[in-house]
Amino acid sequence: MAIVALIFMAIFTVSLVLCLALPTALNHGFGYITLFTGFVGISVFVVIKLSERAETKTPHITADDKDRQGGEEEKISEKKDEEEGGKD
């Protein structure tokens, strides 16, 4: 996705230079291309930033974390079994 944003920003840069150098070329077509590619490039950049922010807010659970959690649950159940066995 970042590559797509980079491509649109490169097209934006080229079309902006052409728009400023030849303002009446292609019946002001370079101006429209500049607006479109700039909008798409900046929009994709914002989406990337928002997705990075969402990733940092949600914790990542790995297989090791799941193993640790499972091990803790087993220890708790073993302690309960020992306590119940000692009460009899």
N, C-alpha and C. Protein backbone atom coordinates (compact mmCIF):
# COMPACT_ATOMS: atom_id res chain seq x y z
N MET A 1 0.82 -1.18 0.00
CA MET A 1 0.00 0.00 0.00
C MET A 1 0.88 1.26 0.00
N ALA A 2 1.99 1.17 0.70
CA ALA A 2 2.91 2.31 0.73
C ALA A 2 3.52 2.54 -0.65
N ILE A 3 3.72 1.47 -1.40
CA ILE A 3 4.27 1.61 -2.74
C ILE A 3 3.29 2.32 -3.65
N VAL A 4 2.01 2.02 -3.50
CA VAL A 4 0.97 2.69 -4.30
C VAL A 4 0.95 4.18 -3.98
N ALA A 5 1.04 4.52 -2.68
CA ALA A 5 1.08 5.93 -2.29
C ALA A 5 2.31 6.61 -2.86
N LEU A 6 3.44 5.92 -2.86
CA LEU A 6 4.67 6.49 -3.41
C LEU A 6 4.53 6.74 -4.91
N ILE A 7 3.92 5.82 -5.61
CA ILE A 7 3.72 5.99 -7.06
C ILE A 7 2.81 7.18 -7.34
N PHE A 8 1.71 7.29 -6.59
CA PHE A 8 0.81 8.42 -6.80
C PHE A 8 1.49 9.75 -6.46
N MET A 9 2.32 9.77 -5.44
CA MET A 9 3.01 11.01 -5.10
C MET A 9 4.06 11.36 -6.15
N ALA A 10 4.68 10.35 -6.78
CA ALA A 10 5.63 10.63 -7.86
C ALA A 10 4.88 11.20 -9.08
N ILE A 11 3.73 10.62 -9.40
CA ILE A 11 2.92 11.15 -10.51
C ILE A 11 2.46 12.56 -10.18
N PHE A 12 2.10 12.79 -8.92
CA PHE A 12 1.68 14.12 -8.48
C PHE A 12 2.81 15.13 -8.69
N THR A 13 4.03 14.76 -8.33
CA THR A 13 5.16 15.67 -8.46
C THR A 13 5.41 16.03 -9.92
N VAL A 14 5.39 15.03 -10.79
CA VAL A 14 5.63 15.27 -12.21
C VAL A 14 4.51 16.12 -12.80
N SER A 15 3.27 15.79 -12.48
CA SER A 15 2.15 16.55 -13.05
C SER A 15 2.11 17.98 -12.50
N LEU A 16 2.54 18.17 -11.24
CA LEU A 16 2.59 19.53 -10.68
C LEU A 16 3.62 20.38 -11.41
N VAL A 17 4.78 19.79 -11.69
CA VAL A 17 5.81 20.53 -12.42
C VAL A 17 5.31 20.88 -13.83
N LEU A 18 4.66 19.92 -14.49
CA LEU A 18 4.13 20.19 -15.83
C LEU A 18 3.00 21.21 -15.78
N CYS A 19 2.20 21.15 -14.75
CA CYS A 19 1.10 22.11 -14.61
C CYS A 19 1.64 23.53 -14.41
N LEU A 20 2.70 23.66 -13.64
CA LEU A 20 3.28 24.98 -13.42
C LEU A 20 4.08 25.46 -14.63
N ALA A 21 4.73 24.55 -15.35
CA ALA A 21 5.54 24.93 -16.51
C ALA A 21 4.67 25.22 -17.73
N LEU A 22 3.66 24.41 -17.95
CA LEU A 22 2.78 24.56 -19.12
C LEU A 22 1.32 24.62 -18.66
N PRO A 23 0.87 25.74 -18.15
CA PRO A 23 -0.46 25.78 -17.55
C PRO A 23 -1.61 25.52 -18.52
N THR A 24 -1.46 25.81 -19.79
CA THR A 24 -2.57 25.62 -20.73
C THR A 24 -2.44 24.34 -21.54
N ALA A 25 -1.43 23.52 -21.26
CA ALA A 25 -1.25 22.28 -22.01
C ALA A 25 -2.38 21.31 -21.69
N LEU A 26 -2.79 20.57 -22.69
CA LEU A 26 -3.87 19.58 -22.58
C LEU A 26 -5.15 20.21 -22.03
N ASN A 27 -5.36 21.48 -22.35
CA ASN A 27 -6.57 22.18 -21.93
C ASN A 27 -6.73 22.12 -20.41
N HIS A 28 -5.66 22.43 -19.71
CA HIS A 28 -5.56 22.40 -18.24
C HIS A 28 -5.70 20.99 -17.68
N GLY A 29 -5.37 20.00 -18.47
CA GLY A 29 -5.47 18.62 -18.03
C GLY A 29 -4.47 18.25 -16.95
N PHE A 30 -3.28 18.86 -16.99
CA PHE A 30 -2.28 18.55 -15.97
C PHE A 30 -2.75 19.03 -14.59
N GLY A 31 -3.53 20.08 -14.54
CA GLY A 31 -4.07 20.56 -13.27
C GLY A 31 -5.02 19.53 -12.66
N TYR A 32 -5.87 18.94 -13.50
CA TYR A 32 -6.79 17.92 -13.01
C TYR A 32 -6.05 16.66 -12.56
N ILE A 33 -5.04 16.29 -13.34
CA ILE A 33 -4.23 15.12 -12.97
C ILE A 33 -3.52 15.38 -11.65
N THR A 34 -3.02 16.61 -11.47
CA THR A 34 -2.34 16.97 -10.23
C THR A 34 -3.28 16.88 -9.04
N LEU A 35 -4.48 17.41 -9.18
CA LEU A 35 -5.45 17.35 -8.09
C LEU A 35 -5.82 15.91 -7.75
N PHE A 36 -6.08 15.10 -8.77
CA PHE A 36 -6.50 13.72 -8.54
C PHE A 36 -5.40 12.90 -7.88
N THR A 37 -4.19 12.95 -8.45
CA THR A 37 -3.11 12.13 -7.90
C THR A 37 -2.68 12.61 -6.51
N GLY A 38 -2.73 13.91 -6.28
CA GLY A 38 -2.40 14.43 -4.95
C GLY A 38 -3.41 13.97 -3.92
N PHE A 39 -4.68 14.02 -4.28
CA PHE A 39 -5.73 13.57 -3.36
C PHE A 39 -5.60 12.08 -3.06
N VAL A 40 -5.39 11.27 -4.07
CA VAL A 40 -5.27 9.82 -3.86
C VAL A 40 -4.02 9.50 -3.05
N GLY A 41 -2.90 10.13 -3.36
CA GLY A 41 -1.66 9.87 -2.64
C GLY A 41 -1.75 10.24 -1.17
N ILE A 42 -2.32 11.40 -0.88
CA ILE A 42 -2.46 11.83 0.51
C ILE A 42 -3.48 10.95 1.23
N SER A 43 -4.54 10.56 0.55
CA SER A 43 -5.55 9.68 1.17
C SER A 43 -4.96 8.34 1.56
N VAL A 44 -4.17 7.75 0.67
CA VAL A 44 -3.53 6.46 0.97
C VAL A 44 -2.56 6.62 2.13
N PHE A 45 -1.84 7.75 2.18
CA PHE A 45 -0.92 8.01 3.28
C PHE A 45 -1.68 8.09 4.61
N VAL A 46 -2.82 8.76 4.62
CA VAL A 46 -3.63 8.87 5.85
C VAL A 46 -4.13 7.50 6.27
N VAL A 47 -4.55 6.68 5.32
CA VAL A 47 -5.02 5.33 5.64
C VAL A 47 -3.90 4.51 6.26
N ILE A 48 -2.70 4.63 5.74
CA ILE A 48 -1.56 3.90 6.28
C ILE A 48 -1.28 4.35 7.71
N LYS A 49 -1.30 5.65 7.96
CA LYS A 49 -1.05 6.16 9.30
C LYS A 49 -2.12 5.69 10.28
N LEU A 50 -3.39 5.71 9.85
CA LEU A 50 -4.46 5.26 10.73
C LEU A 50 -4.36 3.76 11.02
N SER A 51 -3.95 2.98 10.04
CA SER A 51 -3.82 1.55 10.28
C SER A 51 -2.65 1.25 11.21
N GLU A 52 -1.57 2.03 11.13
CA GLU A 52 -0.45 1.86 12.06
C GLU A 52 -0.88 2.21 13.47
N ARG A 53 -1.68 3.26 13.61
CA ARG A 53 -2.16 3.66 14.93
C ARG A 53 -3.07 2.59 15.51
N ALA A 54 -3.89 1.97 14.68
CA ALA A 54 -4.78 0.91 15.16
C ALA A 54 -3.97 -0.31 15.59
N GLU A 55 -2.89 -0.61 14.89
CA GLU A 55 -2.05 -1.76 15.25
C GLU A 55 -1.36 -1.55 16.59
N THR A 56 -0.98 -0.32 16.89
CA THR A 56 -0.29 -0.08 18.15
C THR A 56 -1.26 -0.13 19.33
N LYS A 57 -2.54 0.11 19.10
CA LYS A 57 -3.51 0.09 20.18
C LYS A 57 -3.94 -1.33 20.53
N THR A 58 -3.91 -2.25 19.59
CA THR A 58 -4.33 -3.62 19.85
C THR A 58 -3.11 -4.47 20.17
N PRO A 59 -3.14 -5.21 21.26
CA PRO A 59 -1.99 -6.05 21.60
C PRO A 59 -1.92 -7.25 20.67
N HIS A 60 -0.71 -7.62 20.34
CA HIS A 60 -0.49 -8.79 19.50
C HIS A 60 -0.27 -10.01 20.38
N ILE A 61 -1.07 -11.04 20.17
CA ILE A 61 -0.92 -12.27 20.93
C ILE A 61 -0.20 -13.27 20.04
N THR A 62 0.94 -13.72 20.50
CA THR A 62 1.72 -14.68 19.74
C THR A 62 1.45 -16.09 20.26
N ALA A 63 2.02 -17.06 19.58
CA ALA A 63 1.85 -18.45 20.00
C ALA A 63 2.48 -18.67 21.37
N ASP A 64 3.59 -17.98 21.65
CA ASP A 64 4.23 -18.10 22.96
C ASP A 64 3.32 -17.59 24.07
N ASP A 65 2.62 -16.47 23.79
CA ASP A 65 1.69 -15.93 24.79
C ASP A 65 0.56 -16.91 25.06
N LYS A 66 0.07 -17.54 24.02
CA LYS A 66 -1.01 -18.52 24.20
C LYS A 66 -0.52 -19.71 25.01
N ASP A 67 0.73 -20.15 24.77
CA ASP A 67 1.29 -21.26 25.53
C ASP A 67 1.42 -20.88 27.01
N ARG A 68 1.86 -19.66 27.26
CA ARG A 68 2.00 -19.21 28.64
C ARG A 68 0.65 -19.15 29.33
N GLN A 69 -0.35 -18.67 28.63
CA GLN A 69 -1.68 -18.58 29.22
C GLN A 69 -2.22 -19.97 29.51
N GLY A 70 -2.02 -20.88 28.58
CA GLY A 70 -2.48 -22.25 28.78
C GLY A 70 -1.78 -22.90 29.95
N GLY A 71 -0.49 -22.63 30.09
CA GLY A 71 0.27 -23.20 31.20
C GLY A 71 -0.22 -22.67 32.54
N GLU A 72 -0.57 -21.40 32.60
CA GLU A 72 -1.06 -20.82 33.84
C GLU A 72 -2.40 -21.42 34.23
N GLU A 73 -3.25 -21.64 33.25
CA GLU A 73 -4.56 -22.24 33.53
C GLU A 73 -4.40 -23.66 34.06
N GLU A 74 -3.44 -24.39 33.50
CA GLU A 74 -3.21 -25.75 33.96
C GLU A 74 -2.70 -25.75 35.40
N LYS A 75 -1.83 -24.80 35.74
CA LYS A 75 -1.31 -24.73 37.10
C LYS A 75 -2.43 -24.41 38.08
N ILE A 76 -3.31 -23.51 37.70
CA ILE A 76 -4.43 -23.15 38.57
C ILE A 76 -5.34 -24.35 38.79
N SER A 77 -5.63 -25.09 37.72
CA SER A 77 -6.51 -26.26 37.87
C SER A 77 -5.82 -27.34 38.70
N GLU A 78 -4.49 -27.48 38.58
CA GLU A 78 -3.76 -28.46 39.39
C GLU A 78 -3.81 -28.08 40.87
N LYS A 79 -3.69 -26.78 41.17
CA LYS A 79 -3.76 -26.32 42.56
C LYS A 79 -5.14 -26.60 43.14
N LYS A 80 -6.18 -26.37 42.36
CA LYS A 80 -7.54 -26.63 42.82
C LYS A 80 -7.74 -28.11 43.10
N ASP A 81 -7.18 -28.96 42.22
CA ASP A 81 -7.30 -30.41 42.42
C ASP A 81 -6.58 -30.82 43.70
N GLU A 82 -5.41 -30.25 43.95
CA GLU A 82 -4.65 -30.57 45.16
C GLU A 82 -5.41 -30.14 46.41
N GLU A 83 -6.02 -28.95 46.34
CA GLU A 83 -6.76 -28.44 47.49
C GLU A 83 -7.98 -29.32 47.78
N GLU A 84 -8.67 -29.71 46.73
CA GLU A 84 -9.84 -30.55 46.88
C GLU A 84 -9.45 -31.93 47.38
N GLY A 85 -8.32 -32.42 46.92
CA GLY A 85 -7.85 -33.74 47.35
C GLY A 85 -7.42 -33.72 48.80
N GLY A 86 -6.86 -32.62 49.28
CA GLY A 86 -6.41 -32.50 50.65
C GLY A 86 -7.57 -32.36 51.62
N LYS A 87 -8.72 -31.88 51.18
CA LYS A 87 -9.87 -31.68 52.04
C LYS A 87 -10.58 -32.99 52.37
N ASP A 88 -10.43 -34.00 51.55
CA ASP A 88 -11.14 -35.27 51.77
C ASP A 88 -10.63 -36.02 52.89
